[in-house]
Amino acid sequence: MAVIVRYPFFRHLRGTETTHVRHVRNGRVVHEGTGGSFWFRPLNAVLSEVPVDDRELPLQFHAQTLDFQDVAVQASVTYRLDPAVAAQRIDFSISPENGLYLATPLAQVATILAETTQQHALGVLARASLTQALTDGVMAVRDAVSEGLAGDDRLAETGISVVGTRVVAVRPEPEVERALQTPTREQLQQESDRATYERRAVAVERERAIAENELQSQIELARREEQLVAQNGVNGRRSAEEDAAADEIRVRAEAARTQRLDEARAEGIRLVGEAEAGSEAARVAAYRDVPEAVLMALALKELAAHLPDIEQLVVTPDLLTSFAARLGTTAQRELSA
């Protein structure tokens, strides 16, 4: 927007690089150009300012398809103004006091573009079904709007040139959109359920395989345990047999040794007995010719050797009489002999 500086009886206007300023005085163009700067008198000056930069016009409107369904179109149009033509067809006058527009020229341009764009878009969507509009509507509407705006004589006569057209979306009403999404959602849900079932089936199959492997492992372990028990039994039986054989050998050896010891002991006893018998016989033979008195003396001697200690001995007359009688008898027998 141009900047106007106020002075007594005069004004100074300074434009920008994106605005075309035109100064008309008494029906004659005095100043004209982009980014101009000049002095003027406010009482006889007519000023107009036309933007020359690219302008973006966002659009959103509704249309009806061939099957009487309402769709919303979201688009945008980029346009540019020809200042020499637009200033003559649309009121771009600005106030000489503050530089503001006296009318609404940009709103008028937006209305022209919006109505023209809607006209071409409605013509395309009215010949298409809802499914076609949702499937190919964006491309079809963009092409139709671009061609229509490029060939529109009114826009050219007004000084409006369309730089580009974009159609962002063609969407139905929320209820219709949800209804259209339902089959796809159901199909996706079915695919998800099928994938879930397949995954569960695979998991069950794997669990079954794992269970079978575990069962086979348990069977193999039980079989090996049975073999181990049998082998332990065989080993135990063999060990018992070997222990029994060793015990038998040991018992036989003990018996033989005991027998040999008993035989040796018996032989020793026999030899001792024979020796004692021989000794006794020799002693008896030695005592055979000894007188009875001597034998009595020896017997008394032997008896005295084995008698306990006698502290007191009481000799009675009867004992002395008997002993004297026996000595006398013995003496007579020896004399007679």
C-alpha atoms as a PDB file:
ATOM      1  CA  MET A   1       0.000   0.000   0.000  1.00  0.00           C
ATOM      2  CA  ALA A   2       1.281   3.456  -0.943  1.00  0.00           C
ATOM      3  CA  VAL A   3       2.412   5.819   1.781  1.00  0.00           C
ATOM      4  CA  ILE A   4       1.016   9.390   1.617  1.00  0.00           C
ATOM      5  CA  VAL A   5       2.696  12.156   3.572  1.00  0.00           C
ATOM      6  CA  ARG A   6       0.606  15.276   4.228  1.00  0.00           C
ATOM      7  CA  TYR A   7       1.946  18.791   3.771  1.00  0.00           C
ATOM      8  CA  PRO A   8       0.070  22.122   3.600  1.00  0.00           C
ATOM      9  CA  PHE A   9      -1.725  22.290   0.270  1.00  0.00           C
ATOM     10  CA  PHE A  10       0.319  19.325  -1.067  1.00  0.00           C
ATOM     11  CA  ARG A  11       0.705  15.607  -0.568  1.00  0.00           C
ATOM     12  CA  HIS A  12       3.544  13.240  -1.327  1.00  0.00           C
ATOM     13  CA  LEU A  13       2.909   9.637  -2.391  1.00  0.00           C
ATOM     14  CA  ARG A  14       5.500   6.900  -2.214  1.00  0.00           C
ATOM     15  CA  GLY A  15       4.551   3.579  -3.786  1.00  0.00           C
ATOM     16  CA  THR A  16       5.984   0.050  -3.409  1.00  0.00           C
ATOM     17  CA  GLU A  17       7.481  -2.408  -5.830  1.00  0.00           C
ATOM     18  CA  THR A  18       4.327  -4.565  -5.874  1.00  0.00           C
ATOM     19  CA  THR A  19       1.797  -1.802  -6.524  1.00  0.00           C
ATOM     20  CA  HIS A  20       1.067   0.142  -9.703  1.00  0.00           C
ATOM     21  CA  VAL A  21       0.042   3.740  -8.881  1.00  0.00           C
ATOM     22  CA  ARG A  22      -1.812   5.979 -11.336  1.00  0.00           C
ATOM     23  CA  HIS A  23      -2.321   9.752 -10.923  1.00  0.00           C
ATOM     24  CA  VAL A  24      -5.039  11.357 -13.056  1.00  0.00           C
ATOM     25  CA  ARG A  25      -5.692  15.084 -13.050  1.00  0.00           C
ATOM     26  CA  ASN A  26      -8.488  16.643 -15.088  1.00  0.00           C
ATOM     27  CA  GLY A  27      -8.942  13.416 -17.044  1.00  0.00           C
ATOM     28  CA  ARG A  28      -5.274  13.189 -17.997  1.00  0.00           C
ATOM     29  CA  VAL A  29      -2.754  10.747 -16.621  1.00  0.00           C
ATOM     30  CA  VAL A  30      -0.011  12.709 -14.904  1.00  0.00           C
ATOM     31  CA  HIS A  31       1.922   9.932 -13.136  1.00  0.00           C
ATOM     32  CA  GLU A  32       1.786   6.192 -13.678  1.00  0.00           C
ATOM     33  CA  GLY A  33       4.074   3.305 -12.815  1.00  0.00           C
ATOM     34  CA  THR A  34       5.156   0.650 -10.321  1.00  0.00           C
ATOM     35  CA  GLY A  35       7.036   1.879  -7.283  1.00  0.00           C
ATOM     36  CA  GLY A  36       6.522   5.533  -8.274  1.00  0.00           C
ATOM     37  CA  SER A  37       6.876   8.569  -6.057  1.00  0.00           C
ATOM     38  CA  PHE A  38       5.440  12.029  -6.791  1.00  0.00           C
ATOM     39  CA  TRP A  39       3.819  15.169  -5.421  1.00  0.00           C
ATOM     40  CA  PHE A  40       0.184  15.974  -5.948  1.00  0.00           C
ATOM     41  CA  ARG A  41      -2.573  18.327  -4.873  1.00  0.00           C
ATOM     42  CA  PRO A  42      -5.423  16.497  -3.110  1.00  0.00           C
ATOM     43  CA  LEU A  43      -8.163  18.732  -4.466  1.00  0.00           C
ATOM     44  CA  ASN A  44      -7.707  17.821  -8.156  1.00  0.00           C
ATOM     45  CA  ALA A  45      -5.944  14.456  -7.977  1.00  0.00           C
ATOM     46  CA  VAL A  46      -7.511  11.078  -8.730  1.00  0.00           C
ATOM     47  CA  LEU A  47      -5.341   8.226  -7.450  1.00  0.00           C
ATOM     48  CA  SER A  48      -5.625   4.493  -8.068  1.00  0.00           C
ATOM     49  CA  GLU A  49      -3.429   1.672  -6.795  1.00  0.00           C
ATOM     50  CA  VAL A  50      -3.440  -1.773  -8.445  1.00  0.00           C
ATOM     51  CA  PRO A  51      -1.384  -4.610  -6.911  1.00  0.00           C
ATOM     52  CA  VAL A  52       0.840  -6.356  -9.444  1.00  0.00           C
ATOM     53  CA  ASP A  53       2.038  -9.233  -7.261  1.00  0.00           C
ATOM     54  CA  ASP A  54       0.613 -12.767  -7.414  1.00  0.00           C
ATOM     55  CA  ARG A  55      -2.448 -13.105  -5.226  1.00  0.00           C
ATOM     56  CA  GLU A  56      -3.714 -16.327  -3.640  1.00  0.00           C
ATOM     57  CA  LEU A  57      -7.466 -16.894  -3.434  1.00  0.00           C
ATOM     58  CA  PRO A  58      -8.541 -19.884  -1.296  1.00  0.00           C
ATOM     59  CA  LEU A  59     -11.914 -21.349  -2.239  1.00  0.00           C
ATOM     60  CA  GLN A  60     -14.254 -23.806  -0.573  1.00  0.00           C
ATOM     61  CA  PHE A  61     -17.687 -24.536  -1.980  1.00  0.00           C
ATOM     62  CA  HIS A  62     -20.233 -27.319  -2.311  1.00  0.00           C
ATOM     63  CA  ALA A  63     -21.405 -29.134  -5.436  1.00  0.00           C
ATOM     64  CA  GLN A  64     -23.906 -31.859  -6.321  1.00  0.00           C
ATOM     65  CA  THR A  65     -22.954 -35.017  -8.170  1.00  0.00           C
ATOM     66  CA  LEU A  66     -24.901 -36.964 -10.771  1.00  0.00           C
ATOM     67  CA  ASP A  67     -26.444 -39.176  -8.079  1.00  0.00           C
ATOM     68  CA  PHE A  68     -27.531 -36.122  -6.050  1.00  0.00           C
ATOM     69  CA  GLN A  69     -24.815 -36.351  -3.446  1.00  0.00           C
ATOM     70  CA  ASP A  70     -23.327 -33.250  -1.912  1.00  0.00           C
ATOM     71  CA  VAL A  71     -19.544 -32.883  -2.027  1.00  0.00           C
ATOM     72  CA  ALA A  72     -17.249 -30.170  -0.703  1.00  0.00           C
ATOM     73  CA  VAL A  73     -14.505 -28.833  -2.964  1.00  0.00           C
ATOM     74  CA  GLN A  74     -11.402 -27.239  -1.499  1.00  0.00           C
ATOM     75  CA  ALA A  75      -9.268 -25.337  -4.022  1.00  0.00           C
ATOM     76  CA  SER A  76      -7.114 -22.264  -4.494  1.00  0.00           C
ATOM     77  CA  VAL A  77      -6.519 -19.918  -7.460  1.00  0.00           C
ATOM     78  CA  THR A  78      -3.429 -17.820  -7.982  1.00  0.00           C
ATOM     79  CA  TYR A  79      -4.040 -14.724 -10.123  1.00  0.00           C
ATOM     80  CA  ARG A  80      -2.340 -11.571 -11.265  1.00  0.00           C
ATOM     81  CA  LEU A  81      -3.810  -8.190 -12.318  1.00  0.00           C
ATOM     82  CA  ASP A  82      -2.995  -6.145 -15.396  1.00  0.00           C
ATOM     83  CA  PRO A  83      -2.959  -2.597 -13.908  1.00  0.00           C
ATOM     84  CA  ALA A  84      -3.686  -0.773 -17.181  1.00  0.00           C
ATOM     85  CA  VAL A  85      -6.852  -2.818 -17.813  1.00  0.00           C
ATOM     86  CA  ALA A  86      -7.941  -3.522 -14.238  1.00  0.00           C
ATOM     87  CA  ALA A  87      -7.834   0.156 -13.235  1.00  0.00           C
ATOM     88  CA  GLN A  88     -10.317   0.966 -16.020  1.00  0.00           C
ATOM     89  CA  ARG A  89     -12.724  -1.924 -15.293  1.00  0.00           C
ATOM     90  CA  ILE A  90     -12.610  -2.054 -11.479  1.00  0.00           C
ATOM     91  CA  ASP A  91     -12.509   0.807  -9.029  1.00  0.00           C
ATOM     92  CA  PHE A  92      -9.006   0.753  -7.424  1.00  0.00           C
ATOM     93  CA  SER A  93      -9.244   4.405  -6.297  1.00  0.00           C
ATOM     94  CA  ILE A  94      -7.479   5.320  -3.085  1.00  0.00           C
ATOM     95  CA  SER A  95      -7.996   8.277  -0.760  1.00  0.00           C
ATOM     96  CA  PRO A  96      -5.513  11.122  -1.254  1.00  0.00           C
ATOM     97  CA  GLU A  97      -5.567  11.665   2.480  1.00  0.00           C
ATOM     98  CA  ASN A  98      -4.490   8.248   3.797  1.00  0.00           C
ATOM     99  CA  GLY A  99      -4.016   5.967   0.766  1.00  0.00           C
ATOM    100  CA  LEU A 100      -6.848   3.543   1.643  1.00  0.00           C
ATOM    101  CA  TYR A 101      -9.164   2.087  -0.967  1.00  0.00           C
ATOM    102  CA  LEU A 102     -12.398   3.972  -1.436  1.00  0.00           C
ATOM    103  CA  ALA A 103     -14.150   0.759  -2.561  1.00  0.00           C
ATOM    104  CA  THR A 104     -13.464  -2.991  -2.270  1.00  0.00           C
ATOM    105  CA  PRO A 105     -11.765  -3.884  -5.533  1.00  0.00           C
ATOM    106  CA  LEU A 106      -9.960  -6.977  -4.252  1.00  0.00           C
ATOM    107  CA  ALA A 107     -13.206  -8.401  -2.905  1.00  0.00           C
ATOM    108  CA  GLN A 108     -14.793  -7.802  -6.314  1.00  0.00           C
ATOM    109  CA  VAL A 109     -11.942  -9.626  -8.024  1.00  0.00           C
ATOM    110  CA  ALA A 110     -12.262 -12.518  -5.532  1.00  0.00           C
ATOM    111  CA  THR A 111     -16.001 -12.741  -6.231  1.00  0.00           C
ATOM    112  CA  ILE A 112     -15.450 -12.880  -9.980  1.00  0.00           C
ATOM    113  CA  LEU A 113     -12.810 -15.600  -9.662  1.00  0.00           C
ATOM    114  CA  ALA A 114     -14.821 -17.603  -7.102  1.00  0.00           C
ATOM    115  CA  GLU A 115     -17.996 -17.604  -9.187  1.00  0.00           C
ATOM    116  CA  THR A 116     -16.154 -18.471 -12.384  1.00  0.00           C
ATOM    117  CA  THR A 117     -14.237 -21.270 -10.660  1.00  0.00           C
ATOM    118  CA  GLN A 118     -17.386 -22.690  -9.110  1.00  0.00           C
ATOM    119  CA  GLN A 119     -19.163 -22.576 -12.463  1.00  0.00           C
ATOM    120  CA  HIS A 120     -16.566 -24.773 -14.155  1.00  0.00           C
ATOM    121  CA  ALA A 121     -16.237 -27.107 -11.145  1.00  0.00           C
ATOM    122  CA  LEU A 122     -19.984 -27.584 -10.803  1.00  0.00           C
ATOM    123  CA  GLY A 123     -20.236 -28.432 -14.472  1.00  0.00           C
ATOM    124  CA  VAL A 124     -17.722 -31.270 -14.062  1.00  0.00           C
ATOM    125  CA  LEU A 125     -19.115 -32.687 -10.823  1.00  0.00           C
ATOM    126  CA  ALA A 126     -22.720 -32.566 -12.031  1.00  0.00           C
ATOM    127  CA  ARG A 127     -21.844 -35.084 -14.760  1.00  0.00           C
ATOM    128  CA  ALA A 128     -19.981 -37.473 -12.437  1.00  0.00           C
ATOM    129  CA  SER A 129     -21.229 -39.935  -9.863  1.00  0.00           C
ATOM    130  CA  LEU A 130     -20.134 -39.739  -6.263  1.00  0.00           C
ATOM    131  CA  THR A 131     -17.650 -42.539  -6.713  1.00  0.00           C
ATOM    132  CA  GLN A 132     -16.160 -40.914  -9.816  1.00  0.00           C
ATOM    133  CA  ALA A 133     -16.057 -37.534  -8.100  1.00  0.00           C
ATOM    134  CA  LEU A 134     -14.186 -38.966  -5.143  1.00  0.00           C
ATOM    135  CA  THR A 135     -11.895 -41.046  -7.319  1.00  0.00           C
ATOM    136  CA  ASP A 136     -11.044 -38.710 -10.211  1.00  0.00           C
ATOM    137  CA  GLY A 137     -12.716 -35.490  -9.095  1.00  0.00           C
ATOM    138  CA  VAL A 138      -9.559 -33.666  -8.025  1.00  0.00           C
ATOM    139  CA  MET A 139      -7.823 -34.051 -11.373  1.00  0.00           C
ATOM    140  CA  ALA A 140     -10.989 -33.481 -13.394  1.00  0.00           C
ATOM    141  CA  VAL A 141     -12.008 -30.353 -11.504  1.00  0.00           C
ATOM    142  CA  ARG A 142      -8.490 -28.909 -11.650  1.00  0.00           C
ATOM    143  CA  ASP A 143      -8.226 -29.441 -15.407  1.00  0.00           C
ATOM    144  CA  ALA A 144     -11.713 -28.042 -16.044  1.00  0.00           C
ATOM    145  CA  VAL A 145     -11.145 -24.984 -13.850  1.00  0.00           C
ATOM    146  CA  SER A 146      -7.721 -24.302 -15.366  1.00  0.00           C
ATOM    147  CA  GLU A 147      -9.035 -24.495 -18.929  1.00  0.00           C
ATOM    148  CA  GLY A 148     -12.165 -22.519 -18.095  1.00  0.00           C
ATOM    149  CA  LEU A 149     -10.320 -19.695 -16.366  1.00  0.00           C
ATOM    150  CA  ALA A 150      -7.676 -19.518 -19.066  1.00  0.00           C
ATOM    151  CA  GLY A 151     -10.317 -19.176 -21.797  1.00  0.00           C
ATOM    152  CA  ASP A 152     -12.706 -16.873 -19.944  1.00  0.00           C
ATOM    153  CA  ASP A 153     -13.116 -13.616 -21.891  1.00  0.00           C
ATOM    154  CA  ARG A 154     -14.494 -11.700 -18.941  1.00  0.00           C
ATOM    155  CA  LEU A 155     -11.371 -12.289 -16.904  1.00  0.00           C
ATOM    156  CA  ALA A 156      -9.227 -11.153 -19.777  1.00  0.00           C
ATOM    157  CA  GLU A 157     -11.307  -8.040 -20.317  1.00  0.00           C
ATOM    158  CA  THR A 158     -11.144  -7.270 -16.590  1.00  0.00           C
ATOM    159  CA  GLY A 159      -7.363  -7.602 -16.538  1.00  0.00           C
ATOM    160  CA  ILE A 160      -7.310 -10.761 -14.441  1.00  0.00           C
ATOM    161  CA  SER A 161      -4.912 -13.483 -15.519  1.00  0.00           C
ATOM    162  CA  VAL A 162      -4.886 -16.844 -13.724  1.00  0.00           C
ATOM    163  CA  VAL A 163      -1.373 -18.063 -12.884  1.00  0.00           C
ATOM    164  CA  GLY A 164      -2.286 -21.431 -11.364  1.00  0.00           C
ATOM    165  CA  THR A 165      -5.126 -23.549 -10.063  1.00  0.00           C
ATOM    166  CA  ARG A 166      -4.970 -26.182  -7.369  1.00  0.00           C
ATOM    167  CA  VAL A 167      -7.714 -28.494  -6.149  1.00  0.00           C
ATOM    168  CA  VAL A 168      -6.854 -29.880  -2.719  1.00  0.00           C
ATOM    169  CA  ALA A 169      -9.779 -32.203  -2.022  1.00  0.00           C
ATOM    170  CA  VAL A 170     -13.240 -33.317  -3.063  1.00  0.00           C
ATOM    171  CA  ARG A 171     -14.990 -34.784  -0.055  1.00  0.00           C
ATOM    172  CA  PRO A 172     -18.550 -35.941   0.590  1.00  0.00           C
ATOM    173  CA  GLU A 173     -20.616 -35.270   3.664  1.00  0.00           C
ATOM    174  CA  PRO A 174     -19.311 -36.839   6.893  1.00  0.00           C
ATOM    175  CA  GLU A 175     -22.145 -39.423   7.073  1.00  0.00           C
ATOM    176  CA  VAL A 176     -21.686 -40.414   3.432  1.00  0.00           C
ATOM    177  CA  GLU A 177     -17.940 -40.539   3.873  1.00  0.00           C
ATOM    178  CA  ARG A 178     -18.275 -42.873   6.857  1.00  0.00           C
ATOM    179  CA  ALA A 179     -20.737 -45.018   4.905  1.00  0.00           C
ATOM    180  CA  LEU A 180     -18.305 -45.227   1.991  1.00  0.00           C
ATOM    181  CA  GLN A 181     -15.478 -46.082   4.344  1.00  0.00           C
ATOM    182  CA  THR A 182     -17.467 -48.856   5.999  1.00  0.00           C
ATOM    183  CA  PRO A 183     -16.930 -51.564   3.293  1.00  0.00           C
ATOM    184  CA  THR A 184     -13.237 -50.817   3.156  1.00  0.00           C
ATOM    185  CA  ARG A 185     -13.026 -50.834   6.934  1.00  0.00           C
ATOM    186  CA  GLU A 186     -14.951 -54.107   7.038  1.00  0.00           C
ATOM    187  CA  GLN A 187     -12.654 -55.605   4.435  1.00  0.00           C
ATOM    188  CA  LEU A 188      -9.615 -54.375   6.323  1.00  0.00           C
ATOM    189  CA  GLN A 189     -11.112 -55.745   9.522  1.00  0.00           C
ATOM    190  CA  GLN A 190     -11.718 -59.077   7.806  1.00  0.00           C
ATOM    191  CA  GLU A 191      -8.164 -59.082   6.539  1.00  0.00           C
ATOM    192  CA  SER A 192      -6.989 -58.248  10.035  1.00  0.00           C
ATOM    193  CA  ASP A 193      -9.156 -61.007  11.513  1.00  0.00           C
ATOM    194  CA  ARG A 194      -7.928 -63.463   8.918  1.00  0.00           C
ATOM    195  CA  ALA A 195      -4.344 -62.490   9.653  1.00  0.00           C
ATOM    196  CA  THR A 196      -5.101 -62.883  13.349  1.00  0.00           C
ATOM    197  CA  TYR A 197      -6.653 -66.309  12.798  1.00  0.00           C
ATOM    198  CA  GLU A 198      -3.766 -67.374  10.593  1.00  0.00           C
ATOM    199  CA  ARG A 199      -1.332 -66.135  13.194  1.00  0.00           C
ATOM    200  CA  ARG A 200      -3.228 -68.026  15.885  1.00  0.00           C
ATOM    201  CA  ALA A 201      -3.320 -71.127  13.678  1.00  0.00           C
ATOM    202  CA  VAL A 202       0.405 -70.867  13.112  1.00  0.00           C
ATOM    203  CA  ALA A 203       0.895 -70.340  16.843  1.00  0.00           C
ATOM    204  CA  VAL A 204      -1.287 -73.390  17.620  1.00  0.00           C
ATOM    205  CA  GLU A 205       0.609 -75.441  15.053  1.00  0.00           C
ATOM    206  CA  ARG A 206       3.892 -74.351  16.546  1.00  0.00           C
ATOM    207  CA  GLU A 207       2.634 -75.099  20.044  1.00  0.00           C
ATOM    208  CA  ARG A 208       1.509 -78.520  18.840  1.00  0.00           C
ATOM    209  CA  ALA A 209       4.900 -79.134  17.279  1.00  0.00           C
ATOM    210  CA  ILE A 210       6.571 -77.991  20.485  1.00  0.00           C
ATOM    211  CA  ALA A 211       4.272 -80.239  22.539  1.00  0.00           C
ATOM    212  CA  GLU A 212       5.042 -83.181  20.235  1.00  0.00           C
ATOM    213  CA  ASN A 213       8.740 -82.483  20.534  1.00  0.00           C
ATOM    214  CA  GLU A 214       8.424 -82.300  24.298  1.00  0.00           C
ATOM    215  CA  LEU A 215       6.422 -85.547  24.310  1.00  0.00           C
ATOM    216  CA  GLN A 216       8.985 -87.231  22.098  1.00  0.00           C
ATOM    217  CA  SER A 217      11.690 -85.924  24.386  1.00  0.00           C
ATOM    218  CA  GLN A 218       9.844 -87.273  27.429  1.00  0.00           C
ATOM    219  CA  ILE A 219       9.339 -90.643  25.696  1.00  0.00           C
ATOM    220  CA  GLU A 220      12.988 -90.771  24.744  1.00  0.00           C
ATOM    221  CA  LEU A 221      13.940 -89.745  28.272  1.00  0.00           C
ATOM    222  CA  ALA A 222      11.668 -92.443  29.745  1.00  0.00           C
ATOM    223  CA  ARG A 223      13.134 -95.020  27.361  1.00  0.00           C
ATOM    224  CA  ARG A 224      16.623 -94.047  28.337  1.00  0.00           C
ATOM    225  CA  GLU A 225      15.644 -94.092  31.998  1.00  0.00           C
ATOM    226  CA  GLU A 226      14.266 -97.605  31.461  1.00  0.00           C
ATOM    227  CA  GLN A 227      17.528 -98.592  29.831  1.00  0.00           C
ATOM    228  CA  LEU A 228      19.389 -96.987  32.695  1.00  0.00           C
ATOM    229  CA  VAL A 229      17.284 -98.847  35.274  1.00  0.00           C
ATOM    230  CA  ALA A 230      17.787-102.121  33.400  1.00  0.00           C
ATOM    231  CA  GLN A 231      21.493-101.466  33.098  1.00  0.00           C
ATOM    232  CA  ASN A 232      21.642-100.538  36.774  1.00  0.00           C
ATOM    233  CA  GLY A 233      19.832-103.817  37.571  1.00  0.00           C
ATOM    234  CA  VAL A 234      22.257-105.765  35.425  1.00  0.00           C
ATOM    235  CA  ASN A 235      25.154-103.960  37.004  1.00  0.00           C
ATOM    236  CA  GLY A 236      23.717-104.530  40.486  1.00  0.00           C
ATOM    237  CA  ARG A 237      23.091-108.191  39.779  1.00  0.00           C
ATOM    238  CA  ARG A 238      26.541-108.578  38.328  1.00  0.00           C
ATOM    239  CA  SER A 239      28.009-106.748  41.300  1.00  0.00           C
ATOM    240  CA  ALA A 240      25.997-108.941  43.692  1.00  0.00           C
ATOM    241  CA  GLU A 241      27.144-112.054  41.858  1.00  0.00           C
ATOM    242  CA  GLU A 242      30.722-110.862  41.943  1.00  0.00           C
ATOM    243  CA  ASP A 243      30.345-109.957  45.640  1.00  0.00           C
ATOM    244  CA  ALA A 244      28.785-113.384  46.332  1.00  0.00           C
ATOM    245  CA  ALA A 245      31.580-115.101  44.431  1.00  0.00           C
ATOM    246  CA  ALA A 246      34.125-113.059  46.316  1.00  0.00           C
ATOM    247  CA  ASP A 247      32.394-113.864  49.629  1.00  0.00           C
ATOM    248  CA  GLU A 248      32.316-117.530  48.700  1.00  0.00           C
ATOM    249  CA  ILE A 249      35.993-117.476  47.865  1.00  0.00           C
ATOM    250  CA  ARG A 250      36.678-115.571  51.044  1.00  0.00           C
ATOM    251  CA  VAL A 251      34.575-118.031  53.104  1.00  0.00           C
ATOM    252  CA  ARG A 252      36.309-120.977  51.485  1.00  0.00           C
ATOM    253  CA  ALA A 253      39.658-119.403  52.180  1.00  0.00           C
ATOM    254  CA  GLU A 254      38.622-118.701  55.780  1.00  0.00           C
ATOM    255  CA  ALA A 255      37.334-122.256  56.150  1.00  0.00           C
ATOM    256  CA  ALA A 256      40.492-123.699  54.671  1.00  0.00           C
ATOM    257  CA  ARG A 257      42.626-121.499  56.873  1.00  0.00           C
ATOM    258  CA  THR A 258      40.503-122.383  59.916  1.00  0.00           C
ATOM    259  CA  GLN A 259      40.754-126.027  59.009  1.00  0.00           C
ATOM    260  CA  ARG A 260      44.459-125.785  58.642  1.00  0.00           C
ATOM    261  CA  LEU A 261      44.693-123.941  61.949  1.00  0.00           C
ATOM    262  CA  ASP A 262      42.485-126.505  63.641  1.00  0.00           C
ATOM    263  CA  GLU A 263      44.560-129.303  62.152  1.00  0.00           C
ATOM    264  CA  ALA A 264      47.751-127.622  63.251  1.00  0.00           C
ATOM    265  CA  ARG A 265      46.267-126.942  66.690  1.00  0.00           C
ATOM    266  CA  ALA A 266      45.076-130.569  66.965  1.00  0.00           C
ATOM    267  CA  GLU A 267      48.440-131.790  65.802  1.00  0.00           C
ATOM    268  CA  GLY A 268      50.108-129.583  68.404  1.00  0.00           C
ATOM    269  CA  ILE A 269      47.711-130.788  71.082  1.00  0.00           C
ATOM    270  CA  ARG A 270      48.337-134.360  70.011  1.00  0.00           C
ATOM    271  CA  LEU A 271      52.060-133.870  70.069  1.00  0.00           C
ATOM    272  CA  VAL A 272      51.831-132.117  73.436  1.00  0.00           C
ATOM    273  CA  GLY A 273      49.623-134.926  74.734  1.00  0.00           C
ATOM    274  CA  GLU A 274      52.005-137.532  73.422  1.00  0.00           C
ATOM    275  CA  ALA A 275      54.879-135.642  74.968  1.00  0.00           C
ATOM    276  CA  GLU A 276      53.054-135.296  78.244  1.00  0.00           C
ATOM    277  CA  ALA A 277      51.995-138.957  78.091  1.00  0.00           C
ATOM    278  CA  GLY A 278      55.605-139.957  77.407  1.00  0.00           C
ATOM    279  CA  SER A 279      56.813-137.759  80.171  1.00  0.00           C
ATOM    280  CA  GLU A 280      54.181-139.146  82.531  1.00  0.00           C
ATOM    281  CA  ALA A 281      55.030-142.686  81.495  1.00  0.00           C
ATOM    282  CA  ALA A 282      58.698-141.979  82.058  1.00  0.00           C
ATOM    283  CA  ARG A 283      57.929-140.493  85.421  1.00  0.00           C
ATOM    284  CA  VAL A 284      55.726-143.428  86.365  1.00  0.00           C
ATOM    285  CA  ALA A 285      58.437-145.766  85.166  1.00  0.00           C
ATOM    286  CA  ALA A 286      60.903-143.880  87.310  1.00  0.00           C
ATOM    287  CA  TYR A 287      58.613-144.143  90.317  1.00  0.00           C
ATOM    288  CA  ARG A 288      57.910-147.817  89.698  1.00  0.00           C
ATOM    289  CA  ASP A 289      60.949-149.152  91.639  1.00  0.00           C
ATOM    290  CA  VAL A 290      60.953-146.428  94.302  1.00  0.00           C
ATOM    291  CA  PRO A 291      59.946-147.604  97.834  1.00  0.00           C
ATOM    292  CA  GLU A 292      56.519-146.689  99.095  1.00  0.00           C
ATOM    293  CA  ALA A 293      57.954-144.588 101.877  1.00  0.00           C
ATOM    294  CA  VAL A 294      59.908-142.548  99.425  1.00  0.00           C
ATOM    295  CA  LEU A 295      56.845-142.168  97.285  1.00  0.00           C
ATOM    296  CA  MET A 296      54.914-141.027 100.330  1.00  0.00           C
ATOM    297  CA  ALA A 297      57.615-138.539 101.109  1.00  0.00           C
ATOM    298  CA  LEU A 298      57.593-137.247  97.587  1.00  0.00           C
ATOM    299  CA  ALA A 299      53.821-137.039  97.681  1.00  0.00           C
ATOM    300  CA  LEU A 300      53.925-135.141 100.892  1.00  0.00           C
ATOM    301  CA  LYS A 301      56.536-132.869  99.422  1.00  0.00           C
ATOM    302  CA  GLU A 302      54.418-132.220  96.389  1.00  0.00           C
ATOM    303  CA  LEU A 303      51.373-131.679  98.549  1.00  0.00           C
ATOM    304  CA  ALA A 304      53.264-129.329 100.756  1.00  0.00           C
ATOM    305  CA  ALA A 305      54.351-127.357  97.744  1.00  0.00           C
ATOM    306  CA  HIS A 306      50.724-126.840  96.726  1.00  0.00           C
ATOM    307  CA  LEU A 307      49.219-126.319 100.171  1.00  0.00           C
ATOM    308  CA  PRO A 308      48.409-122.777 101.335  1.00  0.00           C
ATOM    309  CA  ASP A 309      50.552-121.090 103.910  1.00  0.00           C
ATOM    310  CA  ILE A 310      50.038-122.612 107.391  1.00  0.00           C
ATOM    311  CA  GLU A 311      50.535-120.142 110.153  1.00  0.00           C
ATOM    312  CA  GLN A 312      49.735-122.543 113.020  1.00  0.00           C
ATOM    313  CA  LEU A 313      49.889-126.361 113.157  1.00  0.00           C
ATOM    314  CA  VAL A 314      48.183-128.193 115.956  1.00  0.00           C
ATOM    315  CA  VAL A 315      49.545-131.742 116.496  1.00  0.00           C
ATOM    316  CA  THR A 316      47.328-133.941 118.643  1.00  0.00           C
ATOM    317  CA  PRO A 317      48.316-137.172 120.285  1.00  0.00           C
ATOM    318  CA  ASP A 318      45.995-139.110 118.069  1.00  0.00           C
ATOM    319  CA  LEU A 319      47.653-137.767 114.932  1.00  0.00           C
ATOM    320  CA  LEU A 320      51.114-138.640 116.243  1.00  0.00           C
ATOM    321  CA  THR A 321      49.965-142.132 117.252  1.00  0.00           C
ATOM    322  CA  SER A 322      48.494-142.807 113.834  1.00  0.00           C
ATOM    323  CA  PHE A 323      51.502-141.400 112.022  1.00  0.00           C
ATOM    324  CA  ALA A 324      53.903-143.425 114.189  1.00  0.00           C
ATOM    325  CA  ALA A 325      51.905-146.563 113.590  1.00  0.00           C
ATOM    326  CA  ARG A 326      52.035-146.056 109.825  1.00  0.00           C
ATOM    327  CA  LEU A 327      55.785-145.369 109.913  1.00  0.00           C
ATOM    328  CA  GLY A 328      56.246-148.578 111.935  1.00  0.00           C
ATOM    329  CA  THR A 329      54.276-150.569 109.471  1.00  0.00           C
ATOM    330  CA  THR A 330      56.229-149.141 106.600  1.00  0.00           C
ATOM    331  CA  ALA A 331      59.520-149.959 108.311  1.00  0.00           C
ATOM    332  CA  GLN A 332      58.502-153.523 108.895  1.00  0.00           C
ATOM    333  CA  ARG A 333      57.527-153.962 105.252  1.00  0.00           C
ATOM    334  CA  GLU A 334      60.852-152.586 104.122  1.00  0.00           C
ATOM    335  CA  LEU A 335      62.690-154.969 106.520  1.00  0.00           C
ATOM    336  CA  SER A 336      60.700-157.901 105.398  1.00  0.00           C
ATOM    337  CA  ALA A 337      61.401-157.010 101.813  1.00  0.00           C
END
